[in-house]
Amino acid sequence: MTTDGRVVRLRAAISLVGSAGADLGWGDRPEVRVLPDGRLWLADLEQVVSAADVYQAARHLIAGQLAGRSELSGEPVSALVGHWLVGLQTNEAMIDLGPVAQDDAA
């Protein structure tokens, strides 16, 4: 990967973290616009990124989180990923079930 590619992904990661923080009430919500060619304009960084750049940045952020948790907890990455995936897949299955009718007797 070229230095330019790493810089673009790092900037996309910065935007992802900033946006996620803003969604949770920290800071301002940065402006992101979809351009006619499908790329994204990150107004706070004055940077154009592709969906692939954003995806790769998100992957690297999650990998960093997993590596850090593994190091702190002493658990292998495989155990952390397994637990995380089970949780996500359980959530997906629950969403697929739709609204669950409440039992009148309860």
N, C-alpha and C. Protein backbone atom coordinates (compact mmCIF):
# COMPACT_ATOMS: atom_id res chain seq x y z
N MET A 1 0.86 -1.17 0.00
CA MET A 1 0.00 0.00 0.00
C MET A 1 0.90 1.23 0.00
N THR A 2 0.53 2.19 -0.80
CA THR A 2 1.31 3.42 -0.89
C THR A 2 1.05 4.31 0.33
N THR A 3 1.97 5.25 0.53
CA THR A 3 1.79 6.21 1.62
C THR A 3 0.50 7.00 1.41
N ASP A 4 0.22 7.39 0.15
CA ASP A 4 -1.01 8.13 -0.13
C ASP A 4 -2.24 7.32 0.27
N GLY A 5 -2.22 6.01 -0.04
CA GLY A 5 -3.34 5.14 0.32
C GLY A 5 -3.52 5.05 1.82
N ARG A 6 -2.42 4.96 2.56
CA ARG A 6 -2.51 4.90 4.02
C ARG A 6 -3.04 6.21 4.59
N VAL A 7 -2.62 7.33 4.01
CA VAL A 7 -3.09 8.63 4.49
C VAL A 7 -4.60 8.76 4.28
N VAL A 8 -5.07 8.34 3.09
CA VAL A 8 -6.50 8.42 2.81
C VAL A 8 -7.28 7.56 3.80
N ARG A 9 -6.81 6.36 4.06
CA ARG A 9 -7.50 5.47 4.99
C ARG A 9 -7.43 6.00 6.41
N LEU A 10 -6.30 6.58 6.78
CA LEU A 10 -6.20 7.17 8.11
C LEU A 10 -7.18 8.33 8.26
N ARG A 11 -7.29 9.15 7.24
CA ARG A 11 -8.23 10.26 7.29
C ARG A 11 -9.67 9.77 7.34
N ALA A 12 -9.95 8.70 6.59
CA ALA A 12 -11.30 8.12 6.65
C ALA A 12 -11.57 7.57 8.04
N ALA A 13 -10.57 6.96 8.65
CA ALA A 13 -10.73 6.45 10.01
C ALA A 13 -10.98 7.59 11.00
N ILE A 14 -10.26 8.69 10.84
CA ILE A 14 -10.46 9.85 11.70
C ILE A 14 -11.90 10.33 11.57
N SER A 15 -12.40 10.39 10.35
CA SER A 15 -13.78 10.82 10.13
C SER A 15 -14.76 9.84 10.75
N LEU A 16 -14.49 8.53 10.64
CA LEU A 16 -15.37 7.52 11.23
C LEU A 16 -15.45 7.68 12.75
N VAL A 17 -14.29 7.85 13.38
CA VAL A 17 -14.26 8.00 14.84
C VAL A 17 -14.97 9.28 15.25
N GLY A 18 -14.69 10.37 14.54
CA GLY A 18 -15.35 11.64 14.85
C GLY A 18 -16.85 11.56 14.68
N SER A 19 -17.29 10.92 13.61
CA SER A 19 -18.73 10.77 13.36
C SER A 19 -19.39 9.89 14.41
N ALA A 20 -18.72 8.80 14.78
CA ALA A 20 -19.27 7.91 15.81
C ALA A 20 -19.36 8.65 17.14
N GLY A 21 -18.33 9.44 17.45
CA GLY A 21 -18.37 10.24 18.68
C GLY A 21 -19.51 11.23 18.66
N ALA A 22 -19.71 11.87 17.51
CA ALA A 22 -20.81 12.84 17.38
C ALA A 22 -22.16 12.15 17.53
N ASP A 23 -22.29 10.94 17.01
CA ASP A 23 -23.53 10.19 17.17
C ASP A 23 -23.83 9.91 18.64
N LEU A 24 -22.76 9.86 19.45
CA LEU A 24 -22.91 9.61 20.88
C LEU A 24 -22.87 10.88 21.71
N GLY A 25 -22.97 12.04 21.03
CA GLY A 25 -23.07 13.31 21.74
C GLY A 25 -21.75 14.05 21.95
N TRP A 26 -20.66 13.59 21.36
CA TRP A 26 -19.36 14.25 21.51
C TRP A 26 -19.07 15.06 20.26
N GLY A 27 -18.79 16.32 20.41
CA GLY A 27 -18.38 17.15 19.28
C GLY A 27 -19.51 17.42 18.29
N ASP A 28 -19.12 17.95 17.15
CA ASP A 28 -20.07 18.28 16.09
C ASP A 28 -20.14 17.14 15.08
N ARG A 29 -21.31 17.00 14.50
CA ARG A 29 -21.50 15.98 13.48
C ARG A 29 -20.90 16.50 12.17
N PRO A 30 -19.85 15.85 11.67
CA PRO A 30 -19.23 16.33 10.44
C PRO A 30 -20.13 16.11 9.22
N GLU A 31 -19.97 16.98 8.25
CA GLU A 31 -20.75 16.86 7.03
C GLU A 31 -20.09 15.84 6.09
N VAL A 32 -20.88 14.91 5.62
CA VAL A 32 -20.43 13.92 4.63
C VAL A 32 -21.43 13.95 3.49
N ARG A 33 -20.94 14.16 2.28
CA ARG A 33 -21.83 14.18 1.11
C ARG A 33 -21.41 13.08 0.14
N VAL A 34 -22.40 12.48 -0.49
CA VAL A 34 -22.15 11.49 -1.54
C VAL A 34 -22.03 12.24 -2.86
N LEU A 35 -20.93 12.04 -3.55
CA LEU A 35 -20.70 12.68 -4.84
C LEU A 35 -21.35 11.86 -5.95
N PRO A 36 -21.60 12.47 -7.11
CA PRO A 36 -22.26 11.76 -8.21
C PRO A 36 -21.55 10.45 -8.61
N ASP A 37 -20.23 10.38 -8.43
CA ASP A 37 -19.51 9.16 -8.81
C ASP A 37 -19.49 8.11 -7.70
N GLY A 38 -20.19 8.38 -6.57
CA GLY A 38 -20.29 7.42 -5.49
C GLY A 38 -19.26 7.59 -4.39
N ARG A 39 -18.26 8.43 -4.61
CA ARG A 39 -17.28 8.69 -3.55
C ARG A 39 -17.90 9.62 -2.51
N LEU A 40 -17.24 9.72 -1.37
CA LEU A 40 -17.74 10.56 -0.28
C LEU A 40 -16.85 11.79 -0.12
N TRP A 41 -17.47 12.92 0.15
CA TRP A 41 -16.74 14.16 0.47
C TRP A 41 -16.84 14.34 1.98
N LEU A 42 -15.68 14.31 2.66
CA LEU A 42 -15.62 14.52 4.10
C LEU A 42 -15.28 15.98 4.31
N ALA A 43 -16.31 16.79 4.60
CA ALA A 43 -16.15 18.24 4.64
C ALA A 43 -15.16 18.69 5.70
N ASP A 44 -15.16 18.05 6.88
CA ASP A 44 -14.27 18.49 7.95
C ASP A 44 -12.80 18.26 7.60
N LEU A 45 -12.53 17.28 6.75
CA LEU A 45 -11.16 16.99 6.33
C LEU A 45 -10.85 17.51 4.93
N GLU A 46 -11.88 18.02 4.25
CA GLU A 46 -11.75 18.45 2.85
C GLU A 46 -11.06 17.36 2.03
N GLN A 47 -11.63 16.15 2.13
CA GLN A 47 -11.04 14.97 1.51
C GLN A 47 -12.13 14.16 0.82
N VAL A 48 -11.81 13.64 -0.35
CA VAL A 48 -12.69 12.72 -1.06
C VAL A 48 -12.17 11.31 -0.82
N VAL A 49 -13.09 10.40 -0.43
CA VAL A 49 -12.71 9.02 -0.21
C VAL A 49 -13.71 8.10 -0.90
N SER A 50 -13.24 6.92 -1.22
CA SER A 50 -14.12 5.92 -1.83
C SER A 50 -14.72 5.04 -0.74
N ALA A 51 -15.73 4.28 -1.11
CA ALA A 51 -16.32 3.33 -0.18
C ALA A 51 -15.28 2.31 0.26
N ALA A 52 -14.39 1.92 -0.63
CA ALA A 52 -13.32 0.97 -0.28
C ALA A 52 -12.39 1.56 0.77
N ASP A 53 -12.08 2.86 0.65
CA ASP A 53 -11.23 3.51 1.66
C ASP A 53 -11.89 3.48 3.03
N VAL A 54 -13.18 3.79 3.06
CA VAL A 54 -13.93 3.81 4.32
C VAL A 54 -13.98 2.39 4.91
N TYR A 55 -14.24 1.41 4.07
CA TYR A 55 -14.31 0.02 4.53
C TYR A 55 -12.97 -0.42 5.11
N GLN A 56 -11.88 -0.13 4.40
CA GLN A 56 -10.55 -0.51 4.88
C GLN A 56 -10.22 0.22 6.18
N ALA A 57 -10.59 1.49 6.28
CA ALA A 57 -10.34 2.25 7.51
C ALA A 57 -11.10 1.62 8.67
N ALA A 58 -12.35 1.24 8.44
CA ALA A 58 -13.14 0.62 9.50
C ALA A 58 -12.54 -0.71 9.91
N ARG A 59 -12.07 -1.49 8.95
CA ARG A 59 -11.42 -2.77 9.26
C ARG A 59 -10.20 -2.56 10.14
N HIS A 60 -9.38 -1.56 9.80
CA HIS A 60 -8.17 -1.30 10.57
C HIS A 60 -8.51 -0.81 11.98
N LEU A 61 -9.56 0.00 12.10
CA LEU A 61 -9.99 0.45 13.43
C LEU A 61 -10.41 -0.73 14.29
N ILE A 62 -11.21 -1.62 13.73
CA ILE A 62 -11.68 -2.78 14.49
C ILE A 62 -10.52 -3.72 14.81
N ALA A 63 -9.62 -3.91 13.88
CA ALA A 63 -8.45 -4.76 14.14
C ALA A 63 -7.62 -4.17 15.28
N GLY A 64 -7.46 -2.86 15.30
CA GLY A 64 -6.72 -2.22 16.38
C GLY A 64 -7.40 -2.41 17.72
N GLN A 65 -8.73 -2.30 17.72
CA GLN A 65 -9.49 -2.52 18.95
C GLN A 65 -9.34 -3.96 19.43
N LEU A 66 -9.44 -4.91 18.52
CA LEU A 66 -9.30 -6.32 18.88
C LEU A 66 -7.90 -6.62 19.41
N ALA A 67 -6.88 -6.08 18.75
CA ALA A 67 -5.51 -6.31 19.19
C ALA A 67 -5.28 -5.71 20.58
N GLY A 68 -5.81 -4.52 20.81
CA GLY A 68 -5.66 -3.88 22.11
C GLY A 68 -6.37 -4.65 23.21
N ARG A 69 -7.60 -5.09 22.92
CA ARG A 69 -8.35 -5.89 23.92
C ARG A 69 -7.65 -7.21 24.20
N SER A 70 -7.10 -7.81 23.16
CA SER A 70 -6.39 -9.08 23.33
C SER A 70 -5.17 -8.87 24.23
N GLU A 71 -4.44 -7.82 23.98
CA GLU A 71 -3.24 -7.54 24.77
C GLU A 71 -3.61 -7.26 26.23
N LEU A 72 -4.65 -6.46 26.45
CA LEU A 72 -5.04 -6.10 27.82
C LEU A 72 -5.62 -7.28 28.59
N SER A 73 -6.43 -8.08 27.91
CA SER A 73 -7.13 -9.17 28.60
C SER A 73 -6.33 -10.46 28.65
N GLY A 74 -5.37 -10.61 27.76
CA GLY A 74 -4.63 -11.86 27.68
C GLY A 74 -5.35 -12.94 26.89
N GLU A 75 -6.55 -12.62 26.41
CA GLU A 75 -7.31 -13.57 25.59
C GLU A 75 -6.78 -13.53 24.16
N PRO A 76 -6.78 -14.67 23.48
CA PRO A 76 -6.36 -14.65 22.07
C PRO A 76 -7.40 -13.92 21.21
N VAL A 77 -6.93 -13.34 20.13
CA VAL A 77 -7.82 -12.63 19.22
C VAL A 77 -8.95 -13.55 18.75
N SER A 78 -8.63 -14.82 18.53
CA SER A 78 -9.65 -15.76 18.05
C SER A 78 -10.83 -15.85 19.01
N ALA A 79 -10.56 -15.82 20.31
CA ALA A 79 -11.65 -15.89 21.29
C ALA A 79 -12.49 -14.62 21.26
N LEU A 80 -11.83 -13.47 21.15
CA LEU A 80 -12.55 -12.21 21.11
C LEU A 80 -13.42 -12.11 19.87
N VAL A 81 -12.87 -12.49 18.73
CA VAL A 81 -13.64 -12.43 17.48
C VAL A 81 -14.82 -13.39 17.55
N GLY A 82 -14.59 -14.57 18.08
CA GLY A 82 -15.66 -15.56 18.19
C GLY A 82 -16.81 -15.04 19.04
N HIS A 83 -16.49 -14.46 20.21
CA HIS A 83 -17.54 -13.92 21.09
C HIS A 83 -18.28 -12.78 20.41
N TRP A 84 -17.55 -11.93 19.76
CA TRP A 84 -18.14 -10.77 19.11
C TRP A 84 -19.09 -11.22 17.99
N LEU A 85 -18.62 -12.17 17.17
CA LEU A 85 -19.45 -12.65 16.07
C LEU A 85 -20.70 -13.36 16.57
N VAL A 86 -20.58 -14.12 17.64
CA VAL A 86 -21.77 -14.78 18.20
C VAL A 86 -22.79 -13.73 18.63
N GLY A 87 -22.31 -12.68 19.28
CA GLY A 87 -23.22 -11.61 19.70
C GLY A 87 -23.89 -10.93 18.52
N LEU A 88 -23.11 -10.61 17.50
CA LEU A 88 -23.67 -9.96 16.31
C LEU A 88 -24.66 -10.86 15.59
N GLN A 89 -24.32 -12.15 15.47
CA GLN A 89 -25.21 -13.08 14.79
C GLN A 89 -26.48 -13.31 15.59
N THR A 90 -26.38 -13.30 16.91
CA THR A 90 -27.57 -13.42 17.75
C THR A 90 -28.47 -12.20 17.55
N ASN A 91 -27.86 -11.02 17.52
CA ASN A 91 -28.64 -9.80 17.28
C ASN A 91 -29.32 -9.85 15.92
N GLU A 92 -28.59 -10.33 14.91
CA GLU A 92 -29.18 -10.44 13.57
C GLU A 92 -30.37 -11.39 13.57
N ALA A 93 -30.23 -12.52 14.26
CA ALA A 93 -31.32 -13.50 14.32
C ALA A 93 -32.54 -12.91 15.03
N MET A 94 -32.30 -12.13 16.08
CA MET A 94 -33.41 -11.53 16.81
C MET A 94 -34.13 -10.49 15.95
N ILE A 95 -33.38 -9.73 15.16
CA ILE A 95 -33.99 -8.75 14.26
C ILE A 95 -34.82 -9.47 13.20
N ASP A 96 -34.30 -10.58 12.69
CA ASP A 96 -35.02 -11.34 11.66
C ASP A 96 -36.35 -11.89 12.19
N LEU A 97 -36.44 -12.11 13.50
CA LEU A 97 -37.68 -12.62 14.08
C LEU A 97 -38.79 -11.58 14.06
N GLY A 98 -38.41 -10.33 14.00
CA GLY A 98 -39.39 -9.25 14.02
C GLY A 98 -39.92 -9.05 15.42
N PRO A 99 -40.96 -8.22 15.53
CA PRO A 99 -41.53 -7.98 16.86
C PRO A 99 -42.06 -9.27 17.46
N VAL A 100 -41.73 -9.51 18.71
CA VAL A 100 -42.18 -10.72 19.38
C VAL A 100 -43.46 -10.39 20.13
N ALA A 101 -44.49 -11.19 19.87
CA ALA A 101 -45.77 -10.98 20.56
C ALA A 101 -45.62 -11.29 22.03
N GLN A 102 -46.16 -10.44 22.89
CA GLN A 102 -46.09 -10.66 24.33
C GLN A 102 -47.21 -11.61 24.74
N ASP A 103 -46.86 -12.54 25.59
CA ASP A 103 -47.87 -13.46 26.12
C ASP A 103 -48.78 -12.70 27.07
N ASP A 104 -50.10 -12.83 26.91
CA ASP A 104 -51.05 -12.13 27.79
C ASP A 104 -50.93 -12.58 29.23
N ALA A 105 -50.50 -13.81 29.47
CA ALA A 105 -50.40 -14.33 30.83
C ALA A 105 -49.20 -13.74 31.56
N ALA A 106 -48.25 -13.21 30.84
CA ALA A 106 -47.03 -12.71 31.48
C ALA A 106 -47.20 -11.46 32.23
